[in-house]
């Protein structure tokens, strides 16, 4: 019996709604400045990985409906 699993649909929506990127950092003290710079460019920090010294960031994709 198949259950209602919407995970694939959510994953697909997330892929189509955001542009994703990874930004490495060398020192934790630089994170606030990096975050401020990224936010000015329209990015948001999705996750901070302190073990691997990287920021997972995303930017909403804007789709024009009049095309």
PDB file of N, CA and C in Angstrom:
ATOM      1  N   UNK A   1       0.836  -1.180   0.000  1.00  0.00           N
ATOM      2  CA  UNK A   1       0.000   0.000   0.000  1.00  0.00           C
ATOM      3  C   UNK A   1       0.882   1.244   0.000  1.00  0.00           C
ATOM      4  N   UNK A   2       0.612   2.156  -0.898  1.00  0.00           N
ATOM      5  CA  UNK A   2       1.422   3.362  -1.015  1.00  0.00           C
ATOM      6  C   UNK A   2       0.899   4.448  -0.075  1.00  0.00           C
ATOM      7  N   UNK A   3       1.836   5.105   0.604  1.00  0.00           N
ATOM      8  CA  UNK A   3       1.451   6.204   1.487  1.00  0.00           C
ATOM      9  C   UNK A   3       1.608   7.517   0.740  1.00  0.00           C
ATOM     10  N   UNK A   4       0.990   8.537   1.252  1.00  0.00           N
ATOM     11  CA  UNK A   4       1.127   9.863   0.650  1.00  0.00           C
ATOM     12  C   UNK A   4       2.439  10.475   1.108  1.00  0.00           C
ATOM     13  N   UNK A   5       3.415  10.463   0.242  1.00  0.00           N
ATOM     14  CA  UNK A   5       4.722  11.022   0.554  1.00  0.00           C
ATOM     15  C   UNK A   5       4.968  12.195  -0.381  1.00  0.00           C
ATOM     16  N   UNK A   6       4.940  13.395   0.191  1.00  0.00           N
ATOM     17  CA  UNK A   6       5.087  14.603  -0.618  1.00  0.00           C
ATOM     18  C   UNK A   6       6.515  15.133  -0.600  1.00  0.00           C
ATOM     19  N   UNK A   7       7.432  14.375  -0.042  1.00  0.00           N
ATOM     20  CA  UNK A   7       8.812  14.822   0.065  1.00  0.00           C
ATOM     21  C   UNK A   7       9.398  15.174  -1.299  1.00  0.00           C
ATOM     22  N   UNK A   8       9.173  14.345  -2.304  1.00  0.00           N
ATOM     23  CA  UNK A   8       9.730  14.617  -3.624  1.00  0.00           C
ATOM     24  C   UNK A   8       9.183  15.914  -4.199  1.00  0.00           C
ATOM     25  N   UNK A   9       7.906  16.172  -3.992  1.00  0.00           N
ATOM     26  CA  UNK A   9       7.310  17.400  -4.494  1.00  0.00           C
ATOM     27  C   UNK A   9       7.903  18.616  -3.790  1.00  0.00           C
ATOM     28  N   UNK A  10       8.101  18.514  -2.482  1.00  0.00           N
ATOM     29  CA  UNK A  10       8.701  19.634  -1.743  1.00  0.00           C
ATOM     30  C   UNK A  10      10.138  19.851  -2.190  1.00  0.00           C
ATOM     31  N   UNK A  11      10.893  18.780  -2.365  1.00  0.00           N
ATOM     32  CA  UNK A  11      12.276  18.901  -2.816  1.00  0.00           C
ATOM     33  C   UNK A  11      12.334  19.567  -4.179  1.00  0.00           C
ATOM     34  N   UNK A  12      11.451  19.173  -5.073  1.00  0.00           N
ATOM     35  CA  UNK A  12      11.426  19.749  -6.413  1.00  0.00           C
ATOM     36  C   UNK A  12      11.048  21.226  -6.351  1.00  0.00           C
ATOM     37  N   UNK A  13      10.083  21.571  -5.505  1.00  0.00           N
ATOM     38  CA  UNK A  13       9.688  22.964  -5.346  1.00  0.00           C
ATOM     39  C   UNK A  13      10.851  23.782  -4.808  1.00  0.00           C
ATOM     40  N   UNK A  14      11.567  23.231  -3.838  1.00  0.00           N
ATOM     41  CA  UNK A  14      12.711  23.930  -3.267  1.00  0.00           C
ATOM     42  C   UNK A  14      13.793  24.164  -4.316  1.00  0.00           C
ATOM     43  N   UNK A  15      14.043  23.176  -5.167  1.00  0.00           N
ATOM     44  CA  UNK A  15      15.048  23.322  -6.223  1.00  0.00           C
ATOM     45  C   UNK A  15      14.647  24.417  -7.197  1.00  0.00           C
ATOM     46  N   UNK A  16      13.356  24.506  -7.503  1.00  0.00           N
ATOM     47  CA  UNK A  16      12.879  25.478  -8.476  1.00  0.00           C
ATOM     48  C   UNK A  16      12.677  26.860  -7.880  1.00  0.00           C
ATOM     49  N   UNK A  17      12.609  26.968  -6.567  1.00  0.00           N
ATOM     50  CA  UNK A  17      12.328  28.239  -5.913  1.00  0.00           C
ATOM     51  C   UNK A  17      13.583  28.982  -5.480  1.00  0.00           C
ATOM     52  N   UNK A  18      14.675  28.267  -5.344  1.00  0.00           N
ATOM     53  CA  UNK A  18      15.904  28.877  -4.831  1.00  0.00           C
ATOM     54  C   UNK A  18      17.113  28.514  -5.675  1.00  0.00           C
ATOM     55  N   UNK A  19      18.033  29.449  -5.734  1.00  0.00           N
ATOM     56  CA  UNK A  19      19.372  29.178  -6.257  1.00  0.00           C
ATOM     57  C   UNK A  19      20.217  28.883  -5.023  1.00  0.00           C
ATOM     58  N   UNK A  20      20.969  27.798  -5.043  1.00  0.00           N
ATOM     59  CA  UNK A  20      21.747  27.358  -3.888  1.00  0.00           C
ATOM     60  C   UNK A  20      23.237  27.525  -4.155  1.00  0.00           C
ATOM     61  N   UNK A  21      23.992  27.766  -3.086  1.00  0.00           N
ATOM     62  CA  UNK A  21      25.439  27.878  -3.214  1.00  0.00           C
ATOM     63  C   UNK A  21      26.072  27.537  -1.862  1.00  0.00           C
ATOM     64  N   UNK A  22      27.370  27.293  -1.888  1.00  0.00           N
ATOM     65  CA  UNK A  22      28.147  27.005  -0.682  1.00  0.00           C
ATOM     66  C   UNK A  22      29.315  27.976  -0.642  1.00  0.00           C
ATOM     67  N   UNK A  23      29.487  28.632   0.498  1.00  0.00           N
ATOM     68  CA  UNK A  23      30.594  29.572   0.681  1.00  0.00           C
ATOM     69  C   UNK A  23      31.462  29.096   1.838  1.00  0.00           C
ATOM     70  N   UNK A  24      32.699  28.729   1.545  1.00  0.00           N
ATOM     71  CA  UNK A  24      33.602  28.323   2.633  1.00  0.00           C
ATOM     72  C   UNK A  24      34.106  29.540   3.409  1.00  0.00           C
ATOM     73  N   UNK A  25      34.473  29.330   4.654  1.00  0.00           N
ATOM     74  CA  UNK A  25      35.090  30.389   5.445  1.00  0.00           C
ATOM     75  C   UNK A  25      36.293  29.807   6.177  1.00  0.00           C
ATOM     76  N   UNK A  26      37.265  30.660   6.425  1.00  0.00           N
ATOM     77  CA  UNK A  26      38.501  30.190   7.053  1.00  0.00           C
ATOM     78  C   UNK A  26      38.483  30.370   8.573  1.00  0.00           C
ATOM     79  N   UNK A  27      37.702  31.336   9.045  1.00  0.00           N
ATOM     80  CA  UNK A  27      37.684  31.635  10.466  1.00  0.00           C
ATOM     81  C   UNK A  27      36.260  32.006  10.874  1.00  0.00           C
ATOM     82  N   UNK A  28      35.810  31.483  11.993  1.00  0.00           N
ATOM     83  CA  UNK A  28      34.440  31.747  12.439  1.00  0.00           C
ATOM     84  C   UNK A  28      34.187  33.227  12.701  1.00  0.00           C
ATOM     85  N   UNK A  29      35.218  33.973  12.994  1.00  0.00           N
ATOM     86  CA  UNK A  29      35.033  35.405  13.270  1.00  0.00           C
ATOM     87  C   UNK A  29      34.625  36.182  12.023  1.00  0.00           C
ATOM     88  N   UNK A  30      34.804  35.603  10.835  1.00  0.00           N
ATOM     89  CA  UNK A  30      34.439  36.295   9.594  1.00  0.00           C
ATOM     90  C   UNK A  30      32.971  36.052   9.200  1.00  0.00           C
ATOM     91  N   UNK A  31      32.287  35.159   9.898  1.00  0.00           N
ATOM     92  CA  UNK A  31      30.911  34.804   9.528  1.00  0.00           C
ATOM     93  C   UNK A  31      29.965  36.009   9.540  1.00  0.00           C
ATOM     94  N   UNK A  32      29.952  36.839  10.592  1.00  0.00           N
ATOM     95  CA  UNK A  32      29.008  37.972  10.573  1.00  0.00           C
ATOM     96  C   UNK A  32      29.202  38.901   9.367  1.00  0.00           C
ATOM     97  N   UNK A  33      30.444  39.207   9.026  1.00  0.00           N
ATOM     98  CA  UNK A  33      30.710  40.076   7.871  1.00  0.00           C
ATOM     99  C   UNK A  33      30.292  39.394   6.574  1.00  0.00           C
ATOM    100  N   UNK A  34      30.570  38.104   6.450  1.00  0.00           N
ATOM    101  CA  UNK A  34      30.157  37.357   5.256  1.00  0.00           C
ATOM    102  C   UNK A  34      28.644  37.367   5.117  1.00  0.00           C
ATOM    103  N   UNK A  35      27.943  37.134   6.233  1.00  0.00           N
ATOM    104  CA  UNK A  35      26.484  37.105   6.196  1.00  0.00           C
ATOM    105  C   UNK A  35      25.926  38.459   5.778  1.00  0.00           C
ATOM    106  N   UNK A  36      26.499  39.518   6.284  1.00  0.00           N
ATOM    107  CA  UNK A  36      26.037  40.864   5.927  1.00  0.00           C
ATOM    108  C   UNK A  36      26.231  41.129   4.433  1.00  0.00           C
ATOM    109  N   UNK A  37      27.381  40.754   3.902  1.00  0.00           N
ATOM    110  CA  UNK A  37      27.662  40.935   2.481  1.00  0.00           C
ATOM    111  C   UNK A  37      26.726  40.103   1.619  1.00  0.00           C
ATOM    112  N   UNK A  38      26.501  38.864   2.006  1.00  0.00           N
ATOM    113  CA  UNK A  38      25.610  37.981   1.258  1.00  0.00           C
ATOM    114  C   UNK A  38      24.176  38.513   1.256  1.00  0.00           C
ATOM    115  N   UNK A  39      23.727  39.012   2.395  1.00  0.00           N
ATOM    116  CA  UNK A  39      22.362  39.526   2.496  1.00  0.00           C
ATOM    117  C   UNK A  39      22.175  40.758   1.607  1.00  0.00           C
ATOM    118  N   UNK A  40      23.188  41.571   1.485  1.00  0.00           N
ATOM    119  CA  UNK A  40      23.098  42.737   0.600  1.00  0.00           C
ATOM    120  C   UNK A  40      22.925  42.317  -0.848  1.00  0.00           C
ATOM    121  N   UNK A  41      23.444  41.144  -1.195  1.00  0.00           N
ATOM    122  CA  UNK A  41      23.324  40.616  -2.558  1.00  0.00           C
ATOM    123  C   UNK A  41      22.067  39.766  -2.742  1.00  0.00           C
ATOM    124  N   UNK A  42      21.195  39.714  -1.733  1.00  0.00           N
ATOM    125  CA  UNK A  42      19.935  38.989  -1.857  1.00  0.00           C
ATOM    126  C   UNK A  42      19.979  37.549  -1.396  1.00  0.00           C
ATOM    127  N   UNK A  43      21.098  37.101  -0.834  1.00  0.00           N
ATOM    128  CA  UNK A  43      21.230  35.726  -0.347  1.00  0.00           C
ATOM    129  C   UNK A  43      20.801  35.652   1.105  1.00  0.00           C
ATOM    130  N   UNK A  44      20.374  34.479   1.529  1.00  0.00           N
ATOM    131  CA  UNK A  44      20.116  34.229   2.938  1.00  0.00           C
ATOM    132  C   UNK A  44      20.889  32.984   3.348  1.00  0.00           C
ATOM    133  N   UNK A  45      21.348  32.990   4.587  1.00  0.00           N
ATOM    134  CA  UNK A  45      22.088  31.836   5.095  1.00  0.00           C
ATOM    135  C   UNK A  45      21.076  30.788   5.536  1.00  0.00           C
ATOM    136  N   UNK A  46      21.149  29.629   4.904  1.00  0.00           N
ATOM    137  CA  UNK A  46      20.247  28.523   5.212  1.00  0.00           C
ATOM    138  C   UNK A  46      20.814  27.669   6.342  1.00  0.00           C
ATOM    139  N   UNK A  47      22.142  27.480   6.343  1.00  0.00           N
ATOM    140  CA  UNK A  47      22.763  26.598   7.329  1.00  0.00           C
ATOM    141  C   UNK A  47      24.231  26.977   7.491  1.00  0.00           C
ATOM    142  N   UNK A  48      24.712  26.955   8.708  1.00  0.00           N
ATOM    143  CA  UNK A  48      26.132  27.182   8.991  1.00  0.00           C
ATOM    144  C   UNK A  48      26.720  25.863   9.453  1.00  0.00           C
ATOM    145  N   UNK A  49      27.666  25.331   8.688  1.00  0.00           N
ATOM    146  CA  UNK A  49      28.322  24.073   9.026  1.00  0.00           C
ATOM    147  C   UNK A  49      29.690  24.393   9.624  1.00  0.00           C
ATOM    148  N   UNK A  50      29.769  24.360  10.957  1.00  0.00           N
ATOM    149  CA  UNK A  50      31.026  24.695  11.626  1.00  0.00           C
ATOM    150  C   UNK A  50      32.053  23.575  11.505  1.00  0.00           C
ATOM    151  N   UNK A  51      31.591  22.345  11.333  1.00  0.00           N
ATOM    152  CA  UNK A  51      32.521  21.222  11.193  1.00  0.00           C
ATOM    153  C   UNK A  51      33.298  21.296   9.887  1.00  0.00           C
ATOM    154  N   UNK A  52      32.624  21.702   8.810  1.00  0.00           N
ATOM    155  CA  UNK A  52      33.272  21.764   7.501  1.00  0.00           C
ATOM    156  C   UNK A  52      33.584  23.190   7.068  1.00  0.00           C
ATOM    157  N   UNK A  53      33.365  24.146   7.954  1.00  0.00           N
ATOM    158  CA  UNK A  53      33.667  25.562   7.705  1.00  0.00           C
ATOM    159  C   UNK A  53      33.055  26.077   6.402  1.00  0.00           C
ATOM    160  N   UNK A  54      31.718  25.990   6.336  1.00  0.00           N
ATOM    161  CA  UNK A  54      31.048  26.480   5.140  1.00  0.00           C
ATOM    162  C   UNK A  54      29.648  26.979   5.477  1.00  0.00           C
ATOM    163  N   UNK A  55      29.187  27.905   4.673  1.00  0.00           N
ATOM    164  CA  UNK A  55      27.827  28.411   4.767  1.00  0.00           C
ATOM    165  C   UNK A  55      27.045  27.851   3.595  1.00  0.00           C
ATOM    166  N   UNK A  56      25.871  27.328   3.855  1.00  0.00           N
ATOM    167  CA  UNK A  56      24.954  26.913   2.796  1.00  0.00           C
ATOM    168  C   UNK A  56      23.994  28.091   2.628  1.00  0.00           C
ATOM    169  N   UNK A  57      23.967  28.653   1.432  1.00  0.00           N
ATOM    170  CA  UNK A  57      23.155  29.845   1.211  1.00  0.00           C
ATOM    171  C   UNK A  57      22.161  29.615   0.078  1.00  0.00           C
ATOM    172  N   UNK A  58      21.112  30.418   0.098  1.00  0.00           N
ATOM    173  CA  UNK A  58      20.111  30.319  -0.959  1.00  0.00           C
ATOM    174  C   UNK A  58      19.594  31.709  -1.297  1.00  0.00           C
ATOM    175  N   UNK A  59      19.127  31.822  -2.529  1.00  0.00           N
ATOM    176  CA  UNK A  59      18.590  33.077  -3.028  1.00  0.00           C
ATOM    177  C   UNK A  59      17.294  32.755  -3.770  1.00  0.00           C
ATOM    178  N   UNK A  60      16.206  33.418  -3.404  1.00  0.00           N
ATOM    179  CA  UNK A  60      14.948  33.130  -4.099  1.00  0.00           C
ATOM    180  C   UNK A  60      15.067  33.434  -5.598  1.00  0.00           C
ATOM    181  N   UNK A  61      14.526  32.547  -6.389  1.00  0.00           N
ATOM    182  CA  UNK A  61      14.495  32.758  -7.841  1.00  0.00           C
ATOM    183  C   UNK A  61      13.215  33.507  -8.161  1.00  0.00           C
ATOM    184  N   UNK A  62      13.370  34.640  -8.826  1.00  0.00           N
ATOM    185  CA  UNK A  62      12.201  35.432  -9.185  1.00  0.00           C
ATOM    186  C   UNK A  62      11.809  35.115 -10.623  1.00  0.00           C
ATOM    187  N   UNK A  63      10.604  34.668 -10.770  1.00  0.00           N
ATOM    188  CA  UNK A  63      10.095  34.301 -12.086  1.00  0.00           C
ATOM    189  C   UNK A  63       9.097  35.355 -12.538  1.00  0.00           C
ATOM    190  N   UNK A  64       9.302  35.846 -13.731  1.00  0.00           N
ATOM    191  CA  UNK A  64       8.361  36.825 -14.283  1.00  0.00           C
ATOM    192  C   UNK A  64       7.210  36.082 -14.935  1.00  0.00           C
ATOM    193  N   UNK A  65       6.019  36.449 -14.559  1.00  0.00           N
ATOM    194  CA  UNK A  65       4.839  35.772 -15.082  1.00  0.00           C
ATOM    195  C   UNK A  65       4.379  36.331 -16.417  1.00  0.00           C
ATOM    196  N   UNK A  66       4.923  37.475 -16.825  1.00  0.00           N
ATOM    197  CA  UNK A  66       4.487  38.084 -18.079  1.00  0.00           C
ATOM    198  C   UNK A  66       5.344  37.684 -19.264  1.00  0.00           C
ATOM    199  N   UNK A  67       6.247  36.749 -19.091  1.00  0.00           N
ATOM    200  CA  UNK A  67       7.090  36.281 -20.220  1.00  0.00           C
ATOM    201  C   UNK A  67       6.337  35.382 -21.140  1.00  0.00           C
TER     202      UNK A  67
END
